[in-house]
């Protein structure tokens, strides 16, 4: 771990961001402590009959680079 931003006690959003480094790569892990609703997403309704794409990602998903 190389750093942490802890706002769990003084911010109504109650979040924690932790940074990890391995070599030249830094990963940001974001967590929060607020109540959430059940996720209505159902993978069976999103994927085609052949399942996930060859890369393992669900079709239509995307990753936004930092």
PDB file of N, CA and C in Angstrom:
ATOM      1  N   UNK A   1       0.856  -1.177   0.000  1.00  0.00           N
ATOM      2  CA  UNK A   1       0.000   0.000   0.000  1.00  0.00           C
ATOM      3  C   UNK A   1       0.900   1.237   0.000  1.00  0.00           C
ATOM      4  N   UNK A   2       0.577   2.184  -0.886  1.00  0.00           N
ATOM      5  CA  UNK A   2       1.385   3.401  -0.947  1.00  0.00           C
ATOM      6  C   UNK A   2       0.633   4.627  -0.461  1.00  0.00           C
ATOM      7  N   UNK A   3      -0.687   4.519  -0.291  1.00  0.00           N
ATOM      8  CA  UNK A   3      -1.436   5.671   0.189  1.00  0.00           C
ATOM      9  C   UNK A   3      -2.883   5.332   0.437  1.00  0.00           C
ATOM     10  N   UNK A   4      -3.544   6.222   1.190  1.00  0.00           N
ATOM     11  CA  UNK A   4      -4.950   5.993   1.520  1.00  0.00           C
ATOM     12  C   UNK A   4      -5.627   7.324   1.783  1.00  0.00           C
ATOM     13  N   UNK A   5      -6.843   7.467   1.268  1.00  0.00           N
ATOM     14  CA  UNK A   5      -7.693   8.616   1.556  1.00  0.00           C
ATOM     15  C   UNK A   5      -8.908   8.067   2.287  1.00  0.00           C
ATOM     16  N   UNK A   6      -8.992   8.321   3.574  1.00  0.00           N
ATOM     17  CA  UNK A   6     -10.037   7.750   4.417  1.00  0.00           C
ATOM     18  C   UNK A   6     -11.032   8.829   4.798  1.00  0.00           C
ATOM     19  N   UNK A   7     -12.221   8.776   4.209  1.00  0.00           N
ATOM     20  CA  UNK A   7     -13.283   9.741   4.517  1.00  0.00           C
ATOM     21  C   UNK A   7     -14.501   9.014   5.073  1.00  0.00           C
ATOM     22  N   UNK A   8     -14.267   7.906   5.778  1.00  0.00           N
ATOM     23  CA  UNK A   8     -15.383   7.122   6.316  1.00  0.00           C
ATOM     24  C   UNK A   8     -16.027   7.764   7.535  1.00  0.00           C
ATOM     25  N   UNK A   9     -15.321   8.668   8.198  1.00  0.00           N
ATOM     26  CA  UNK A   9     -15.833   9.204   9.463  1.00  0.00           C
ATOM     27  C   UNK A   9     -16.253  10.665   9.402  1.00  0.00           C
ATOM     28  N   UNK A  10     -15.789  11.401   8.374  1.00  0.00           N
ATOM     29  CA  UNK A  10     -16.086  12.830   8.338  1.00  0.00           C
ATOM     30  C   UNK A  10     -16.797  13.281   7.061  1.00  0.00           C
ATOM     31  N   UNK A  11     -17.343  12.328   6.294  1.00  0.00           N
ATOM     32  CA  UNK A  11     -18.023  12.655   5.043  1.00  0.00           C
ATOM     33  C   UNK A  11     -19.249  11.761   4.931  1.00  0.00           C
ATOM     34  N   UNK A  12     -20.395  12.330   4.614  1.00  0.00           N
ATOM     35  CA  UNK A  12     -21.630  11.533   4.544  1.00  0.00           C
ATOM     36  C   UNK A  12     -21.560  10.429   3.493  1.00  0.00           C
ATOM     37  N   UNK A  13     -20.676  10.582   2.502  1.00  0.00           N
ATOM     38  CA  UNK A  13     -20.526   9.543   1.471  1.00  0.00           C
ATOM     39  C   UNK A  13     -19.713   8.359   1.984  1.00  0.00           C
ATOM     40  N   UNK A  14     -18.976   8.528   3.075  1.00  0.00           N
ATOM     41  CA  UNK A  14     -18.256   7.460   3.774  1.00  0.00           C
ATOM     42  C   UNK A  14     -17.439   6.579   2.841  1.00  0.00           C
ATOM     43  N   UNK A  15     -16.428   7.157   2.187  1.00  0.00           N
ATOM     44  CA  UNK A  15     -15.628   6.367   1.250  1.00  0.00           C
ATOM     45  C   UNK A  15     -14.181   6.217   1.702  1.00  0.00           C
ATOM     46  N   UNK A  16     -13.530   5.202   1.139  1.00  0.00           N
ATOM     47  CA  UNK A  16     -12.132   4.908   1.405  1.00  0.00           C
ATOM     48  C   UNK A  16     -11.469   4.601   0.066  1.00  0.00           C
ATOM     49  N   UNK A  17     -10.392   5.304  -0.250  1.00  0.00           N
ATOM     50  CA  UNK A  17      -9.622   5.038  -1.463  1.00  0.00           C
ATOM     51  C   UNK A  17      -8.230   4.606  -1.025  1.00  0.00           C
ATOM     52  N   UNK A  18      -7.803   3.455  -1.509  1.00  0.00           N
ATOM     53  CA  UNK A  18      -6.498   2.915  -1.157  1.00  0.00           C
ATOM     54  C   UNK A  18      -5.696   2.707  -2.434  1.00  0.00           C
ATOM     55  N   UNK A  19      -4.414   3.050  -2.390  1.00  0.00           N
ATOM     56  CA  UNK A  19      -3.533   2.915  -3.555  1.00  0.00           C
ATOM     57  C   UNK A  19      -2.482   1.844  -3.282  1.00  0.00           C
ATOM     58  N   UNK A  20      -2.326   0.931  -4.249  1.00  0.00           N
ATOM     59  CA  UNK A  20      -1.325  -0.121  -4.175  1.00  0.00           C
ATOM     60  C   UNK A  20      -0.388   0.021  -5.360  1.00  0.00           C
ATOM     61  N   UNK A  21       0.895  -0.302  -5.169  1.00  0.00           N
ATOM     62  CA  UNK A  21       1.862  -0.222  -6.269  1.00  0.00           C
ATOM     63  C   UNK A  21       2.624  -1.541  -6.365  1.00  0.00           C
ATOM     64  N   UNK A  22       2.809  -1.986  -7.612  1.00  0.00           N
ATOM     65  CA  UNK A  22       3.653  -3.144  -7.913  1.00  0.00           C
ATOM     66  C   UNK A  22       4.471  -2.749  -9.132  1.00  0.00           C
ATOM     67  N   UNK A  23       5.748  -2.499  -8.939  1.00  0.00           N
ATOM     68  CA  UNK A  23       6.585  -2.019 -10.040  1.00  0.00           C
ATOM     69  C   UNK A  23       6.144  -0.637 -10.454  1.00  0.00           C
ATOM     70  N   UNK A  24       5.868  -0.452 -11.737  1.00  0.00           N
ATOM     71  CA  UNK A  24       5.435   0.853 -12.238  1.00  0.00           C
ATOM     72  C   UNK A  24       3.911   0.993 -12.280  1.00  0.00           C
ATOM     73  N   UNK A  25       3.188  -0.021 -11.807  1.00  0.00           N
ATOM     74  CA  UNK A  25       1.727  -0.017 -11.848  1.00  0.00           C
ATOM     75  C   UNK A  25       1.154   0.412 -10.506  1.00  0.00           C
ATOM     76  N   UNK A  26       0.171   1.334 -10.553  1.00  0.00           N
ATOM     77  CA  UNK A  26      -0.539   1.759  -9.346  1.00  0.00           C
ATOM     78  C   UNK A  26      -2.016   1.433  -9.546  1.00  0.00           C
ATOM     79  N   UNK A  27      -2.603   0.779  -8.546  1.00  0.00           N
ATOM     80  CA  UNK A  27      -4.017   0.420  -8.594  1.00  0.00           C
ATOM     81  C   UNK A  27      -4.745   1.214  -7.522  1.00  0.00           C
ATOM     82  N   UNK A  28      -5.894   1.806  -7.904  1.00  0.00           N
ATOM     83  CA  UNK A  28      -6.738   2.541  -6.970  1.00  0.00           C
ATOM     84  C   UNK A  28      -7.939   1.671  -6.634  1.00  0.00           C
ATOM     85  N   UNK A  29      -8.146   1.400  -5.344  1.00  0.00           N
ATOM     86  CA  UNK A  29      -9.279   0.609  -4.887  1.00  0.00           C
ATOM     87  C   UNK A  29     -10.216   1.543  -4.128  1.00  0.00           C
ATOM     88  N   UNK A  30     -11.462   1.612  -4.582  1.00  0.00           N
ATOM     89  CA  UNK A  30     -12.452   2.523  -4.015  1.00  0.00           C
ATOM     90  C   UNK A  30     -13.510   1.706  -3.285  1.00  0.00           C
ATOM     91  N   UNK A  31     -13.799   2.070  -2.052  1.00  0.00           N
ATOM     92  CA  UNK A  31     -14.847   1.408  -1.292  1.00  0.00           C
ATOM     93  C   UNK A  31     -15.711   2.428  -0.588  1.00  0.00           C
ATOM     94  N   UNK A  32     -16.933   2.016  -0.237  1.00  0.00           N
ATOM     95  CA  UNK A  32     -17.829   2.927   0.464  1.00  0.00           C
ATOM     96  C   UNK A  32     -18.691   2.153   1.444  1.00  0.00           C
ATOM     97  N   UNK A  33     -19.219   2.846   2.434  1.00  0.00           N
ATOM     98  CA  UNK A  33     -19.948   2.227   3.540  1.00  0.00           C
ATOM     99  C   UNK A  33     -21.411   2.663   3.613  1.00  0.00           C
ATOM    100  N   UNK A  34     -21.996   3.060   2.522  1.00  0.00           N
ATOM    101  CA  UNK A  34     -23.390   3.505   2.565  1.00  0.00           C
ATOM    102  C   UNK A  34     -24.315   2.377   2.136  1.00  0.00           C
ATOM    103  N   UNK A  35     -25.570   2.458   2.536  1.00  0.00           N
ATOM    104  CA  UNK A  35     -26.547   1.455   2.134  1.00  0.00           C
ATOM    105  C   UNK A  35     -26.745   1.491   0.624  1.00  0.00           C
ATOM    106  N   UNK A  36     -26.954   0.335   0.052  1.00  0.00           N
ATOM    107  CA  UNK A  36     -27.164   0.236  -1.390  1.00  0.00           C
ATOM    108  C   UNK A  36     -28.430  -0.555  -1.670  1.00  0.00           C
ATOM    109  N   UNK A  37     -28.911  -0.464  -2.894  1.00  0.00           N
ATOM    110  CA  UNK A  37     -30.070  -1.236  -3.332  1.00  0.00           C
ATOM    111  C   UNK A  37     -29.588  -2.486  -4.055  1.00  0.00           C
ATOM    112  N   UNK A  38     -30.420  -3.495  -4.124  1.00  0.00           N
ATOM    113  CA  UNK A  38     -30.074  -4.717  -4.832  1.00  0.00           C
ATOM    114  C   UNK A  38     -29.870  -4.406  -6.314  1.00  0.00           C
ATOM    115  N   UNK A  39     -28.866  -5.015  -6.926  1.00  0.00           N
ATOM    116  CA  UNK A  39     -28.561  -4.798  -8.332  1.00  0.00           C
ATOM    117  C   UNK A  39     -29.522  -5.600  -9.198  1.00  0.00           C
ATOM    118  N   UNK A  40     -30.298  -4.940 -10.076  1.00  0.00           N
ATOM    119  CA  UNK A  40     -31.255  -5.658 -10.914  1.00  0.00           C
ATOM    120  C   UNK A  40     -30.626  -6.317 -12.154  1.00  0.00           C
ATOM    121  N   UNK A  41     -29.332  -6.108 -12.379  1.00  0.00           N
ATOM    122  CA  UNK A  41     -28.666  -6.640 -13.560  1.00  0.00           C
ATOM    123  C   UNK A  41     -28.681  -8.158 -13.555  1.00  0.00           C
ATOM    124  N   UNK A  42     -29.035  -8.759 -14.672  1.00  0.00           N
ATOM    125  CA  UNK A  42     -29.051 -10.210 -14.806  1.00  0.00           C
ATOM    126  C   UNK A  42     -28.231 -10.589 -16.031  1.00  0.00           C
ATOM    127  N   UNK A  43     -27.050 -11.175 -15.842  1.00  0.00           N
ATOM    128  CA  UNK A  43     -26.163 -11.481 -16.973  1.00  0.00           C
ATOM    129  C   UNK A  43     -26.831 -12.315 -18.055  1.00  0.00           C
ATOM    130  N   UNK A  44     -27.714 -13.221 -17.697  1.00  0.00           N
ATOM    131  CA  UNK A  44     -28.358 -14.076 -18.691  1.00  0.00           C
ATOM    132  C   UNK A  44     -29.166 -13.256 -19.692  1.00  0.00           C
ATOM    133  N   UNK A  45     -29.656 -12.101 -19.296  1.00  0.00           N
ATOM    134  CA  UNK A  45     -30.436 -11.260 -20.201  1.00  0.00           C
ATOM    135  C   UNK A  45     -29.546 -10.402 -21.091  1.00  0.00           C
ATOM    136  N   UNK A  46     -28.290 -10.190 -20.706  1.00  0.00           N
ATOM    137  CA  UNK A  46     -27.377  -9.331 -21.442  1.00  0.00           C
ATOM    138  C   UNK A  46     -26.567 -10.111 -22.469  1.00  0.00           C
ATOM    139  N   UNK A  47     -26.076 -11.293 -22.100  1.00  0.00           N
ATOM    140  CA  UNK A  47     -25.221 -12.083 -22.987  1.00  0.00           C
ATOM    141  C   UNK A  47     -26.049 -12.738 -24.086  1.00  0.00           C
ATOM    142  N   UNK A  48     -25.413 -12.963 -25.217  1.00  0.00           N
ATOM    143  CA  UNK A  48     -26.063 -13.705 -26.286  1.00  0.00           C
ATOM    144  C   UNK A  48     -26.099 -15.172 -25.907  1.00  0.00           C
ATOM    145  N   UNK A  49     -26.718 -15.990 -26.724  1.00  0.00           N
ATOM    146  CA  UNK A  49     -26.825 -17.417 -26.444  1.00  0.00           C
ATOM    147  C   UNK A  49     -25.452 -18.072 -26.357  1.00  0.00           C
ATOM    148  N   UNK A  50     -24.446 -17.503 -27.018  1.00  0.00           N
ATOM    149  CA  UNK A  50     -23.110 -18.092 -26.998  1.00  0.00           C
ATOM    150  C   UNK A  50     -22.318 -17.678 -25.766  1.00  0.00           C
ATOM    151  N   UNK A  51     -22.879 -16.832 -24.913  1.00  0.00           N
ATOM    152  CA  UNK A  51     -22.201 -16.451 -23.682  1.00  0.00           C
ATOM    153  C   UNK A  51     -21.293 -15.256 -23.869  1.00  0.00           C
ATOM    154  N   UNK A  52     -20.355 -15.066 -22.928  1.00  0.00           N
ATOM    155  CA  UNK A  52     -19.434 -13.933 -22.994  1.00  0.00           C
ATOM    156  C   UNK A  52     -18.557 -13.979 -24.235  1.00  0.00           C
ATOM    157  N   UNK A  53     -17.994 -12.849 -24.576  1.00  0.00           N
ATOM    158  CA  UNK A  53     -17.115 -12.771 -25.742  1.00  0.00           C
ATOM    159  C   UNK A  53     -15.834 -13.553 -25.496  1.00  0.00           C
ATOM    160  N   UNK A  54     -15.030 -13.748 -26.522  1.00  0.00           N
ATOM    161  CA  UNK A  54     -13.795 -14.527 -26.420  1.00  0.00           C
ATOM    162  C   UNK A  54     -12.844 -13.944 -25.386  1.00  0.00           C
ATOM    163  N   UNK A  55     -12.894 -12.643 -25.160  1.00  0.00           N
ATOM    164  CA  UNK A  55     -11.993 -12.019 -24.195  1.00  0.00           C
ATOM    165  C   UNK A  55     -12.431 -12.253 -22.758  1.00  0.00           C
ATOM    166  N   UNK A  56     -13.649 -12.784 -22.577  1.00  0.00           N
ATOM    167  CA  UNK A  56     -14.161 -13.012 -21.235  1.00  0.00           C
ATOM    168  C   UNK A  56     -15.040 -11.874 -20.743  1.00  0.00           C
ATOM    169  N   UNK A  57     -15.058 -10.764 -21.459  1.00  0.00           N
ATOM    170  CA  UNK A  57     -15.889  -9.624 -21.063  1.00  0.00           C
ATOM    171  C   UNK A  57     -17.294  -9.801 -21.618  1.00  0.00           C
ATOM    172  N   UNK A  58     -18.264  -9.254 -20.917  1.00  0.00           N
ATOM    173  CA  UNK A  58     -19.631  -9.288 -21.394  1.00  0.00           C
ATOM    174  C   UNK A  58     -19.756  -8.347 -22.571  1.00  0.00           C
ATOM    175  N   UNK A  59     -20.414  -8.793 -23.621  1.00  0.00           N
ATOM    176  CA  UNK A  59     -20.604  -7.926 -24.792  1.00  0.00           C
ATOM    177  C   UNK A  59     -21.300  -6.639 -24.367  1.00  0.00           C
ATOM    178  N   UNK A  60     -20.828  -5.539 -24.905  1.00  0.00           N
ATOM    179  CA  UNK A  60     -21.411  -4.245 -24.583  1.00  0.00           C
ATOM    180  C   UNK A  60     -20.762  -3.577 -23.382  1.00  0.00           C
ATOM    181  N   UNK A  61     -19.888  -4.294 -22.673  1.00  0.00           N
ATOM    182  CA  UNK A  61     -19.213  -3.681 -21.525  1.00  0.00           C
ATOM    183  C   UNK A  61     -18.043  -2.863 -22.018  1.00  0.00           C
ATOM    184  N   UNK A  62     -17.579  -1.955 -21.197  1.00  0.00           N
ATOM    185  CA  UNK A  62     -16.429  -1.150 -21.577  1.00  0.00           C
ATOM    186  C   UNK A  62     -15.603  -0.818 -20.355  1.00  0.00           C
ATOM    187  N   UNK A  63     -14.344  -0.545 -20.586  1.00  0.00           N
ATOM    188  CA  UNK A  63     -13.437  -0.130 -19.533  1.00  0.00           C
ATOM    189  C   UNK A  63     -12.900   1.233 -19.906  1.00  0.00           C
ATOM    190  N   UNK A  64     -12.966   2.179 -18.999  1.00  0.00           N
ATOM    191  CA  UNK A  64     -12.475   3.518 -19.266  1.00  0.00           C
ATOM    192  C   UNK A  64     -11.071   3.659 -18.708  1.00  0.00           C
ATOM    193  N   UNK A  65     -10.075   3.909 -19.571  1.00  0.00           N
ATOM    194  CA  UNK A  65      -8.712   4.085 -19.068  1.00  0.00           C
ATOM    195  C   UNK A  65      -8.582   5.331 -18.236  1.00  0.00           C
ATOM    196  N   UNK A  66      -7.655   5.311 -17.295  1.00  0.00           N
ATOM    197  CA  UNK A  66      -7.430   6.478 -16.437  1.00  0.00           C
ATOM    198  C   UNK A  66      -6.513   7.456 -17.113  1.00  0.00           C
TER     199      UNK A  66
END
